[in-house]
Protein backbone atom coordinates (compact mmCIF):
# COMPACT_ATOMS: atom_id res chain seq x y z
CA MET A 1 62.86 87.08 -17.66
CA GLN A 2 63.76 86.46 -21.02
CA GLU A 3 63.44 83.16 -20.92
CA GLN A 4 60.07 83.42 -18.86
CA ASN A 5 58.76 85.38 -21.86
CA VAL A 6 60.06 83.51 -24.70
CA ALA A 7 58.95 79.67 -23.44
CA PRO A 8 55.36 80.78 -23.62
CA ILE A 9 56.11 81.71 -27.01
CA GLU A 10 57.67 78.88 -28.47
CA PHE A 11 55.22 76.47 -27.07
CA ALA A 12 52.28 78.17 -28.57
CA ASN A 13 54.46 78.03 -31.70
CA VAL A 14 55.22 74.53 -30.94
CA GLY A 15 50.87 74.04 -30.37
CA VAL A 16 49.97 75.53 -33.47
CA ALA A 17 52.99 73.61 -35.84
CA GLN A 18 51.52 70.02 -34.43
CA ARG A 19 47.73 71.34 -35.16
CA THR A 20 48.52 72.33 -38.71
CA ASN A 21 50.54 69.13 -39.10
CA ARG A 22 47.36 67.17 -37.73
CA VAL A 23 44.97 68.83 -40.10
CA LEU A 24 47.26 68.71 -43.27
CA ARG A 25 47.69 65.15 -42.38
CA ASN A 26 43.76 64.52 -41.84
CA THR A 27 43.30 66.24 -44.94
CA TYR A 28 45.85 63.81 -47.20
CA MET A 29 44.15 60.80 -45.51
CA LEU A 30 40.68 61.89 -45.80
CA THR A 31 41.28 63.10 -49.80
CA ALA A 32 42.60 59.69 -50.32
CA ILE A 33 40.28 57.73 -48.89
CA ALA A 34 37.32 60.19 -50.58
CA LEU A 35 39.14 58.80 -54.18
CA VAL A 36 37.87 55.30 -53.68
CA PRO A 37 34.17 55.61 -53.93
CA MET A 38 34.92 58.16 -56.50
CA ALA A 39 36.85 55.18 -58.65
CA LEU A 40 33.94 52.70 -57.85
CA GLY A 41 31.17 55.53 -58.57
CA ALA A 42 33.19 55.98 -62.29
CA LEU A 43 33.31 52.19 -62.65
CA LEU A 44 29.37 51.83 -61.94
CA GLY A 45 28.88 54.78 -64.41
CA SER A 46 30.37 53.29 -66.65
CA GLN A 47 27.98 50.79 -66.88
CA LEU A 48 25.11 52.85 -66.75
CA SER A 49 22.98 53.66 -69.75
CA PHE A 50 22.12 57.74 -68.25
CA GLY A 51 19.22 57.54 -70.33
CA PHE A 52 17.10 60.48 -68.55
CA LEU A 53 20.27 62.44 -69.70
CA ARG A 54 19.62 61.88 -73.51
CA SER A 55 15.81 62.45 -73.03
CA SER A 56 16.53 65.51 -71.27
CA PRO A 57 20.29 66.60 -71.25
CA ILE A 58 19.53 70.29 -69.98
CA MET A 59 17.20 69.07 -67.26
CA GLY A 60 19.35 66.17 -66.38
CA ALA A 61 22.12 68.49 -66.29
CA LEU A 62 20.75 71.35 -63.87
CA GLY A 63 19.26 68.13 -61.82
CA MET A 64 22.95 66.81 -61.16
CA LEU A 65 24.50 70.51 -60.52
CA ALA A 66 21.76 70.69 -57.94
CA VAL A 67 22.06 67.41 -56.21
CA LEU A 68 25.54 68.22 -56.15
CA TYR A 69 25.75 71.68 -54.63
CA GLY A 70 22.69 70.50 -52.37
CA LEU A 71 24.94 67.68 -50.74
CA MET A 72 28.17 70.18 -50.71
CA PHE A 73 25.74 72.87 -48.38
CA PHE A 74 24.93 70.04 -45.92
CA ILE A 75 28.78 68.70 -46.20
CA GLN A 76 29.65 72.34 -44.59
CA ARG A 77 27.01 72.18 -42.47
CA ASN A 78 28.20 68.89 -40.85
CA ARG A 79 32.26 69.81 -41.07
CA GLU A 80 32.84 69.53 -37.44
CA SER A 81 30.95 65.68 -37.03
CA GLY A 82 31.41 62.36 -38.46
CA VAL A 83 28.10 63.16 -40.52
CA GLY A 84 30.07 65.63 -42.66
CA ILE A 85 32.78 62.84 -43.37
CA ALA A 86 29.78 60.24 -44.18
CA LEU A 87 27.87 63.42 -46.51
CA LEU A 88 31.51 64.00 -48.74
CA LEU A 89 31.88 60.12 -49.34
CA VAL A 90 28.15 60.14 -50.70
CA PHE A 91 29.26 63.34 -52.53
CA THR A 92 32.29 61.42 -54.14
CA SER A 93 30.27 58.50 -55.39
CA VAL A 94 28.06 60.91 -57.03
CA LEU A 95 30.81 63.11 -58.67
CA GLY A 96 31.78 59.25 -59.73
CA LEU A 97 29.04 58.53 -61.30
CA MET A 98 28.65 61.34 -63.31
CA THR A 99 31.63 60.53 -65.13
CA GLY A 100 29.73 57.74 -66.96
CA PRO A 101 28.81 59.54 -69.83
CA LEU A 102 32.27 60.75 -70.72
CA LEU A 103 33.95 57.54 -69.94
CA GLN A 104 31.75 55.70 -72.14
CA SER A 105 32.22 57.88 -75.16
CA VAL A 106 35.88 58.13 -74.49
CA LEU A 107 36.01 54.34 -74.64
CA ASN A 108 34.49 53.70 -77.73
CA PHE A 109 37.85 55.15 -78.90
CA ARG A 110 40.19 52.64 -79.96
CA ASN A 111 42.57 54.29 -77.82
CA GLY A 112 40.40 54.91 -75.29
CA GLY A 113 42.11 52.87 -71.77
CA SER A 114 45.41 55.08 -72.71
CA LEU A 115 43.22 58.28 -73.13
CA ILE A 116 41.90 57.37 -69.46
CA ALA A 117 45.11 56.37 -67.99
CA PHE A 118 47.23 59.80 -69.27
CA ALA A 119 44.39 61.73 -67.35
CA VAL A 120 44.83 60.07 -64.53
CA MET A 121 48.45 60.48 -64.97
CA GLY A 122 48.41 64.13 -65.35
CA THR A 123 45.90 64.70 -62.64
CA ALA A 124 48.02 63.14 -59.94
CA ALA A 125 51.33 65.12 -61.76
CA VAL A 126 49.13 68.62 -61.33
CA PHE A 127 48.33 67.71 -57.84
CA PHE A 128 51.55 66.55 -56.23
CA GLY A 129 52.82 69.49 -57.73
CA MET A 130 50.50 72.02 -56.68
CA ALA A 131 51.05 70.38 -53.13
CA ALA A 132 55.07 70.41 -53.46
CA VAL A 133 54.72 74.34 -54.58
CA SER A 134 52.48 75.05 -51.82
CA SER A 135 54.51 73.43 -48.86
CA SER A 136 57.11 75.93 -49.80
CA ILE A 137 55.15 79.02 -50.28
CA LYS A 138 54.93 80.39 -45.83
CA LYS A 139 52.69 83.14 -46.63
CA PRO A 140 49.13 82.97 -47.05
CA LEU A 141 47.89 83.39 -50.64
CA THR A 142 45.05 86.05 -49.70
CA GLY A 143 45.18 87.63 -53.11
CA LEU A 144 44.28 84.22 -54.60
CA GLY A 145 42.04 83.21 -52.97
CA LYS A 146 39.63 86.93 -53.89
CA PHE A 147 40.81 85.86 -57.69
CA LEU A 148 39.68 82.24 -57.14
CA MET A 149 36.37 83.32 -55.86
CA ILE A 150 35.52 85.47 -58.76
CA GLY A 151 36.93 83.10 -61.11
CA GLY A 152 34.59 80.18 -60.14
CA ILE A 153 31.41 82.66 -60.08
CA ILE A 154 32.67 83.40 -63.67
CA LEU A 155 33.08 79.33 -64.44
CA ILE A 156 29.55 78.30 -63.09
CA VAL A 157 27.92 80.68 -64.96
CA ALA A 158 29.61 79.97 -68.19
CA VAL A 159 29.02 76.18 -67.57
CA ILE A 160 25.42 76.96 -67.00
CA ALA A 161 25.38 79.21 -70.30
CA ASN A 162 26.72 76.37 -72.21
CA ILE A 163 24.35 73.61 -70.59
CA PHE A 164 22.03 75.60 -73.66
CA LEU A 165 24.34 76.60 -76.27
CA GLN A 166 25.79 73.18 -76.13
CA MET A 167 29.22 74.36 -78.25
CA PRO A 168 31.86 72.28 -78.96
CA ILE A 169 34.39 74.91 -78.92
CA ILE A 170 33.42 76.46 -75.25
CA SER A 171 33.19 73.37 -74.10
CA LEU A 172 37.01 72.91 -74.77
CA VAL A 173 37.63 76.76 -73.71
CA LEU A 174 35.82 75.65 -70.51
CA SER A 175 38.20 72.49 -70.17
CA ALA A 176 40.98 74.61 -69.61
CA MET A 177 39.98 77.12 -67.62
CA PHE A 178 38.82 74.47 -65.00
CA ILE A 179 42.60 72.60 -65.46
CA LEU A 180 43.89 75.96 -64.96
CA PHE A 181 41.26 77.43 -61.89
CA SER A 182 41.40 73.96 -59.89
CA SER A 183 45.18 73.86 -60.06
CA LEU A 184 45.08 77.16 -58.47
CA VAL A 185 42.34 76.11 -56.29
CA ILE A 186 44.59 73.09 -55.05
CA LEU A 187 47.43 75.48 -54.47
CA TRP A 188 45.10 78.01 -52.41
CA GLN A 189 43.66 75.39 -50.57
CA LEU A 190 47.03 73.43 -49.50
CA ASN A 191 48.46 76.53 -48.70
CA ALA A 192 45.83 77.73 -46.66
CA ILE A 193 46.57 74.99 -44.19
CA VAL A 194 50.01 75.06 -44.16
CA THR A 195 49.88 78.73 -42.88
CA GLY A 196 47.20 78.50 -40.80
CA GLY A 197 44.03 79.48 -42.54
CA GLU A 198 42.43 76.46 -42.54
CA ASP A 199 41.85 74.52 -39.84
CA ASN A 200 38.84 72.05 -40.81
CA TYR A 201 39.98 68.98 -43.13
CA ILE A 202 36.78 68.01 -43.85
CA SER A 203 36.33 71.78 -45.50
CA ALA A 204 39.95 71.49 -47.01
CA THR A 205 39.07 67.89 -48.35
CA LEU A 206 35.82 68.72 -49.90
CA SER A 207 37.60 71.20 -51.96
CA LEU A 208 40.58 69.45 -52.99
CA VAL A 209 38.26 66.09 -54.50
CA LEU A 210 36.24 68.14 -56.24
CA SER A 211 39.04 70.47 -57.91
CA ILE A 212 40.97 66.73 -58.57
CA TYR A 213 37.31 65.90 -60.06
CA ASN A 214 37.41 68.71 -62.51
CA ILE A 215 40.81 68.46 -63.66
CA PHE A 216 40.43 64.52 -64.16
CA VAL A 217 37.18 65.40 -66.16
CA SER A 218 38.79 68.50 -68.07
CA LEU A 219 41.72 66.67 -69.48
CA LEU A 220 39.76 63.88 -70.34
CA GLN A 221 37.34 65.56 -72.61
CA ILE A 222 40.49 67.54 -74.02
CA LEU A 223 42.57 64.29 -74.63
CA GLY A 224 39.03 62.75 -75.89
CA VAL A 225 38.78 65.66 -78.67
CA VAL A 226 42.36 65.59 -79.98
CA GLY A 227 44.04 62.68 -78.97
CA GLY A 228 40.72 60.09 -79.53
CA SER A 229 41.17 57.42 -82.28
CA ARG A 230 38.35 55.41 -84.14
CA ASP A 231 40.27 53.73 -86.64
């Protein structure tokens, strides 16, 4: 009787493990794919003039935020179909394009290429570091999720406020906060997959690519301020 009771439980555990591994594998794969159009968008963005941003920076910034949040909404609405994947790739392309003005500014430095390389390596180090930590935590980080929800709202309000204030010191503080916040999002999101709290790889990938973007951009902004050289 004991063997008959244990066998279904073991079978269920194997099924859960297989599903979790599949979601994690698909998430990593889609994240890698999604970074390609982001890189191509960044390459294209570094060549564009972005005249509309220079003529009306506040309206331009608010307009781009509206586009991004609109895409995120429709990705989530279609997260169970291939349409969600297609929209995700469009989303990462737009993210890449949005790095254009920052890349142009950094490339004006004599060591601009090195700063971009450092930002890429730093972003990769954070991502893989958080991935390693998340795999070692076997229980859900429920408390962290609630903290990130509140922190995300605060950061969004701060970003919108600084669009109008345009204060460099606040921009630097926000960059540092985004690196910390996005690192914790990666940890929380991967932990949610490992512990069975996330079963949709499209939603998970959306969270990861947005965090990767935020870390890269924030690192590059900080490096540009503290390490940029025009000599």
